[in-house]
Amino acid sequence: MKRMFSRRRTAASIVLFGFAVAVIVFAADQASKLWILHGLDLDARAPGDSIVIIDPVFKLTMVWNRGVSFGLFPADSWWQRGLLIAVSLIISGLLSVWMFSATRRLQALAFGLIIGGALGNVLDRFFYGAVADFLDFSGMYFPWVFNVADAGISVGVGVMILDLVLNGDKGS
């Protein structure tokens, strides 16, 4: 009787869920960047100029991030950008392989968030030579400007840690 309301998830449905999350994060990231760069034309504004959304908490501020997270390790040359792209693609590839062995939706969610975010930033590096960051919550004492892809990666890592804490080694 207990099984009546429990829902069994097949391995294929978990994998499909994870890749659907990756596609959604990637699409949301790219759509937001198109809107920022071509709709609002935020890139054409003076450096440091912002569009206030919720004063003083949230504004849109255009920043081109040539480095890794939070602008660490700037990659100004073509080979450095290529290296960052390669590392991101390798990580995305490894997570994609692991997705096929995921046994829990939480794992697939984490992998999908990270894959979608990483690929969104790869596309920026490939076409622009840098990552377009624009979400600015400095009014909340968060000093970094970021984008939807960065949020996907950060939340994905948090979900991965949560899954490890909640489930440990159960069904790797």
C-alpha atoms as a PDB file:
ATOM      1  CA  MET A   1       0.000   0.000   0.000  1.00  0.00           C
ATOM      2  CA  LYS A   2       2.881   2.366   0.715  1.00  0.00           C
ATOM      3  CA  ARG A   3       4.074   2.125  -2.879  1.00  0.00           C
ATOM      4  CA  MET A   4       0.766   3.416  -4.204  1.00  0.00           C
ATOM      5  CA  PHE A   5       1.777   7.005  -3.668  1.00  0.00           C
ATOM      6  CA  SER A   6       5.512   6.649  -4.118  1.00  0.00           C
ATOM      7  CA  ARG A   7       6.767   7.505  -7.538  1.00  0.00           C
ATOM      8  CA  ARG A   8       9.594   5.516  -9.031  1.00  0.00           C
ATOM      9  CA  ARG A   9      11.922   7.477 -11.204  1.00  0.00           C
ATOM     10  CA  THR A  10      13.738   5.734 -13.966  1.00  0.00           C
ATOM     11  CA  ALA A  11      17.368   6.465 -14.686  1.00  0.00           C
ATOM     12  CA  ALA A  12      16.338   7.973 -18.020  1.00  0.00           C
ATOM     13  CA  SER A  13      13.918  10.412 -16.397  1.00  0.00           C
ATOM     14  CA  ILE A  14      16.604  11.585 -13.961  1.00  0.00           C
ATOM     15  CA  VAL A  15      19.098  12.131 -16.801  1.00  0.00           C
ATOM     16  CA  LEU A  16      16.474  13.915 -18.904  1.00  0.00           C
ATOM     17  CA  PHE A  17      15.590  16.141 -15.949  1.00  0.00           C
ATOM     18  CA  GLY A  18      19.256  17.110 -15.435  1.00  0.00           C
ATOM     19  CA  PHE A  19      19.841  17.979 -19.076  1.00  0.00           C
ATOM     20  CA  ALA A  20      16.546  19.915 -19.199  1.00  0.00           C
ATOM     21  CA  VAL A  21      17.796  22.009 -16.267  1.00  0.00           C
ATOM     22  CA  ALA A  22      21.065  22.628 -18.155  1.00  0.00           C
ATOM     23  CA  VAL A  23      19.173  23.793 -21.248  1.00  0.00           C
ATOM     24  CA  ILE A  24      16.922  26.084 -19.191  1.00  0.00           C
ATOM     25  CA  VAL A  25      19.870  27.697 -17.364  1.00  0.00           C
ATOM     26  CA  PHE A  26      21.812  28.109 -20.623  1.00  0.00           C
ATOM     27  CA  ALA A  27      18.799  29.637 -22.413  1.00  0.00           C
ATOM     28  CA  ALA A  28      17.954  31.983 -19.523  1.00  0.00           C
ATOM     29  CA  ASP A  29      21.582  33.097 -19.318  1.00  0.00           C
ATOM     30  CA  GLN A  30      21.903  33.799 -23.036  1.00  0.00           C
ATOM     31  CA  ALA A  31      18.495  35.507 -23.248  1.00  0.00           C
ATOM     32  CA  SER A  32      19.358  37.783 -20.314  1.00  0.00           C
ATOM     33  CA  LYS A  33      22.707  38.684 -21.889  1.00  0.00           C
ATOM     34  CA  LEU A  34      21.081  39.455 -25.235  1.00  0.00           C
ATOM     35  CA  TRP A  35      18.603  41.724 -23.471  1.00  0.00           C
ATOM     36  CA  ILE A  36      21.369  43.477 -21.495  1.00  0.00           C
ATOM     37  CA  LEU A  37      23.733  43.908 -24.454  1.00  0.00           C
ATOM     38  CA  HIS A  38      21.288  44.563 -27.292  1.00  0.00           C
ATOM     39  CA  GLY A  39      18.000  45.508 -25.653  1.00  0.00           C
ATOM     40  CA  LEU A  40      19.195  47.842 -22.909  1.00  0.00           C
ATOM     41  CA  ASP A  41      22.550  48.471 -24.610  1.00  0.00           C
ATOM     42  CA  LEU A  42      24.146  48.492 -21.158  1.00  0.00           C
ATOM     43  CA  ASP A  43      27.575  47.959 -22.698  1.00  0.00           C
ATOM     44  CA  ALA A  44      27.415  51.366 -24.421  1.00  0.00           C
ATOM     45  CA  ARG A  45      27.021  53.255 -21.147  1.00  0.00           C
ATOM     46  CA  ALA A  46      29.943  54.873 -19.357  1.00  0.00           C
ATOM     47  CA  PRO A  47      32.016  52.503 -17.197  1.00  0.00           C
ATOM     48  CA  GLY A  48      30.424  52.159 -13.772  1.00  0.00           C
ATOM     49  CA  ASP A  49      27.106  53.590 -14.975  1.00  0.00           C
ATOM     50  CA  SER A  50      24.160  51.534 -13.716  1.00  0.00           C
ATOM     51  CA  ILE A  51      20.422  51.185 -14.145  1.00  0.00           C
ATOM     52  CA  VAL A  52      18.845  51.194 -10.694  1.00  0.00           C
ATOM     53  CA  ILE A  53      16.136  48.552 -10.353  1.00  0.00           C
ATOM     54  CA  ILE A  54      15.471  48.487  -6.593  1.00  0.00           C
ATOM     55  CA  ASP A  55      17.217  51.357  -4.862  1.00  0.00           C
ATOM     56  CA  PRO A  56      19.666  50.768  -3.156  1.00  0.00           C
ATOM     57  CA  VAL A  57      19.593  46.961  -3.237  1.00  0.00           C
ATOM     58  CA  PHE A  58      19.743  45.935  -6.906  1.00  0.00           C
ATOM     59  CA  LYS A  59      21.001  47.530 -10.103  1.00  0.00           C
ATOM     60  CA  LEU A  60      22.252  46.493 -13.519  1.00  0.00           C
ATOM     61  CA  THR A  61      25.928  47.315 -13.998  1.00  0.00           C
ATOM     62  CA  MET A  62      27.883  46.115 -17.040  1.00  0.00           C
ATOM     63  CA  VAL A  63      31.197  44.419 -16.262  1.00  0.00           C
ATOM     64  CA  TRP A  64      33.298  42.338 -18.663  1.00  0.00           C
ATOM     65  CA  ASN A  65      34.932  39.579 -16.633  1.00  0.00           C
ATOM     66  CA  ARG A  66      38.053  38.308 -18.377  1.00  0.00           C
ATOM     67  CA  GLY A  67      39.080  36.060 -15.497  1.00  0.00           C
ATOM     68  CA  VAL A  68      37.625  33.147 -13.597  1.00  0.00           C
ATOM     69  CA  SER A  69      35.168  33.601 -10.701  1.00  0.00           C
ATOM     70  CA  PHE A  70      35.154  37.124  -9.282  1.00  0.00           C
ATOM     71  CA  GLY A  71      37.699  38.215 -11.905  1.00  0.00           C
ATOM     72  CA  LEU A  72      40.519  36.077 -10.484  1.00  0.00           C
ATOM     73  CA  PHE A  73      43.283  35.032 -12.865  1.00  0.00           C
ATOM     74  CA  PRO A  74      42.585  37.438 -15.750  1.00  0.00           C
ATOM     75  CA  ALA A  75      42.788  35.836 -19.189  1.00  0.00           C
ATOM     76  CA  ASP A  76      43.653  38.639 -21.588  1.00  0.00           C
ATOM     77  CA  SER A  77      45.406  36.674 -24.308  1.00  0.00           C
ATOM     78  CA  TRP A  78      43.788  34.283 -26.788  1.00  0.00           C
ATOM     79  CA  TRP A  79      45.577  31.239 -25.345  1.00  0.00           C
ATOM     80  CA  GLN A  80      44.429  32.050 -21.796  1.00  0.00           C
ATOM     81  CA  ARG A  81      40.825  32.420 -22.991  1.00  0.00           C
ATOM     82  CA  GLY A  82      41.223  29.151 -24.895  1.00  0.00           C
ATOM     83  CA  LEU A  83      42.483  27.462 -21.749  1.00  0.00           C
ATOM     84  CA  LEU A  84      39.498  28.724 -19.720  1.00  0.00           C
ATOM     85  CA  ILE A  85      37.135  27.552 -22.461  1.00  0.00           C
ATOM     86  CA  ALA A  86      38.829  24.127 -22.563  1.00  0.00           C
ATOM     87  CA  VAL A  87      38.692  23.695 -18.787  1.00  0.00           C
ATOM     88  CA  SER A  88      34.993  24.676 -18.734  1.00  0.00           C
ATOM     89  CA  LEU A  89      34.206  22.244 -21.556  1.00  0.00           C
ATOM     90  CA  ILE A  90      36.100  19.429 -19.838  1.00  0.00           C
ATOM     91  CA  ILE A  91      34.256  20.036 -16.557  1.00  0.00           C
ATOM     92  CA  SER A  92      30.929  20.178 -18.402  1.00  0.00           C
ATOM     93  CA  GLY A  93      31.807  16.966 -20.218  1.00  0.00           C
ATOM     94  CA  LEU A  94      32.719  15.164 -16.992  1.00  0.00           C
ATOM     95  CA  LEU A  95      29.519  16.325 -15.315  1.00  0.00           C
ATOM     96  CA  SER A  96      27.546  15.182 -18.366  1.00  0.00           C
ATOM     97  CA  VAL A  97      29.098  11.716 -18.062  1.00  0.00           C
ATOM     98  CA  TRP A  98      28.306  11.662 -14.332  1.00  0.00           C
ATOM     99  CA  MET A  99      24.740  12.725 -15.146  1.00  0.00           C
ATOM    100  CA  PHE A 100      24.200   9.313 -16.740  1.00  0.00           C
ATOM    101  CA  SER A 101      25.043   7.630 -13.437  1.00  0.00           C
ATOM    102  CA  ALA A 102      22.928   9.988 -11.311  1.00  0.00           C
ATOM    103  CA  THR A 103      20.406   8.156  -9.169  1.00  0.00           C
ATOM    104  CA  ARG A 104      18.734  11.146  -7.517  1.00  0.00           C
ATOM    105  CA  ARG A 105      17.021  14.221  -8.902  1.00  0.00           C
ATOM    106  CA  LEU A 106      19.068  16.399  -6.552  1.00  0.00           C
ATOM    107  CA  GLN A 107      22.264  15.145  -8.200  1.00  0.00           C
ATOM    108  CA  ALA A 108      20.833  15.756 -11.668  1.00  0.00           C
ATOM    109  CA  LEU A 109      19.667  19.228 -10.628  1.00  0.00           C
ATOM    110  CA  ALA A 110      23.167  20.110  -9.385  1.00  0.00           C
ATOM    111  CA  PHE A 111      24.863  18.767 -12.516  1.00  0.00           C
ATOM    112  CA  GLY A 112      22.360  20.528 -14.801  1.00  0.00           C
ATOM    113  CA  LEU A 113      22.762  23.901 -13.064  1.00  0.00           C
ATOM    114  CA  ILE A 114      26.558  23.739 -13.313  1.00  0.00           C
ATOM    115  CA  ILE A 115      26.604  22.476 -16.919  1.00  0.00           C
ATOM    116  CA  GLY A 116      24.138  25.122 -18.118  1.00  0.00           C
ATOM    117  CA  GLY A 117      26.040  27.894 -16.361  1.00  0.00           C
ATOM    118  CA  ALA A 118      29.451  26.754 -17.533  1.00  0.00           C
ATOM    119  CA  LEU A 119      28.325  26.497 -21.157  1.00  0.00           C
ATOM    120  CA  GLY A 120      26.680  29.932 -20.983  1.00  0.00           C
ATOM    121  CA  ASN A 121      29.964  31.485 -19.892  1.00  0.00           C
ATOM    122  CA  VAL A 122      31.911  29.467 -22.493  1.00  0.00           C
ATOM    123  CA  LEU A 123      29.798  31.015 -25.240  1.00  0.00           C
ATOM    124  CA  ASP A 124      30.593  34.515 -23.920  1.00  0.00           C
ATOM    125  CA  ARG A 125      34.315  33.830 -23.834  1.00  0.00           C
ATOM    126  CA  PHE A 126      34.199  32.433 -27.346  1.00  0.00           C
ATOM    127  CA  PHE A 127      32.252  35.327 -28.919  1.00  0.00           C
ATOM    128  CA  TYR A 128      33.256  38.293 -26.739  1.00  0.00           C
ATOM    129  CA  GLY A 129      36.566  37.223 -25.209  1.00  0.00           C
ATOM    130  CA  ALA A 130      35.072  37.814 -21.745  1.00  0.00           C
ATOM    131  CA  VAL A 131      31.991  36.994 -19.707  1.00  0.00           C
ATOM    132  CA  ALA A 132      29.197  39.571 -19.560  1.00  0.00           C
ATOM    133  CA  ASP A 133      28.279  40.214 -15.906  1.00  0.00           C
ATOM    134  CA  PHE A 134      25.516  42.652 -14.968  1.00  0.00           C
ATOM    135  CA  LEU A 135      23.587  41.612 -11.824  1.00  0.00           C
ATOM    136  CA  ASP A 136      24.771  43.986  -9.113  1.00  0.00           C
ATOM    137  CA  PHE A 137      23.623  43.509  -5.517  1.00  0.00           C
ATOM    138  CA  SER A 138      26.313  45.747  -4.007  1.00  0.00           C
ATOM    139  CA  GLY A 139      23.571  47.542  -2.079  1.00  0.00           C
ATOM    140  CA  MET A 140      23.276  44.333  -0.055  1.00  0.00           C
ATOM    141  CA  TYR A 141      27.037  44.381   0.644  1.00  0.00           C
ATOM    142  CA  PHE A 142      27.725  41.745  -2.046  1.00  0.00           C
ATOM    143  CA  PRO A 143      30.596  43.377  -3.937  1.00  0.00           C
ATOM    144  CA  TRP A 144      30.661  41.167  -7.055  1.00  0.00           C
ATOM    145  CA  VAL A 145      28.704  41.626 -10.269  1.00  0.00           C
ATOM    146  CA  PHE A 146      27.554  38.348 -11.807  1.00  0.00           C
ATOM    147  CA  ASN A 147      25.162  36.808 -14.356  1.00  0.00           C
ATOM    148  CA  VAL A 148      22.570  34.029 -14.607  1.00  0.00           C
ATOM    149  CA  ALA A 149      25.239  31.453 -15.546  1.00  0.00           C
ATOM    150  CA  ASP A 150      27.292  32.330 -12.463  1.00  0.00           C
ATOM    151  CA  ALA A 151      24.189  31.950 -10.308  1.00  0.00           C
ATOM    152  CA  GLY A 152      23.514  28.548 -11.885  1.00  0.00           C
ATOM    153  CA  ILE A 153      27.053  27.384 -11.156  1.00  0.00           C
ATOM    154  CA  SER A 154      27.002  28.669  -7.559  1.00  0.00           C
ATOM    155  CA  VAL A 155      23.564  27.252  -6.767  1.00  0.00           C
ATOM    156  CA  GLY A 156      24.543  23.992  -8.495  1.00  0.00           C
ATOM    157  CA  VAL A 157      27.607  23.613  -6.270  1.00  0.00           C
ATOM    158  CA  GLY A 158      25.417  24.348  -3.228  1.00  0.00           C
ATOM    159  CA  VAL A 159      22.878  21.731  -4.322  1.00  0.00           C
ATOM    160  CA  MET A 160      25.705  19.237  -4.890  1.00  0.00           C
ATOM    161  CA  ILE A 161      26.959  19.821  -1.337  1.00  0.00           C
ATOM    162  CA  LEU A 162      23.386  19.549   0.006  1.00  0.00           C
ATOM    163  CA  ASP A 163      22.954  16.235  -1.831  1.00  0.00           C
ATOM    164  CA  LEU A 164      26.195  14.918  -0.352  1.00  0.00           C
ATOM    165  CA  VAL A 165      25.168  15.989   3.157  1.00  0.00           C
ATOM    166  CA  LEU A 166      21.664  14.525   2.861  1.00  0.00           C
ATOM    167  CA  ASN A 167      22.522  11.348   1.013  1.00  0.00           C
ATOM    168  CA  GLY A 168      26.215  10.675   1.575  1.00  0.00           C
ATOM    169  CA  ASP A 169      27.308   7.607  -0.346  1.00  0.00           C
ATOM    170  CA  LYS A 170      23.791   6.275  -0.943  1.00  0.00           C
ATOM    171  CA  GLY A 171      23.382   5.379  -4.613  1.00  0.00           C
ATOM    172  CA  SER A 172      26.283   7.321  -6.084  1.00  0.00           C
END
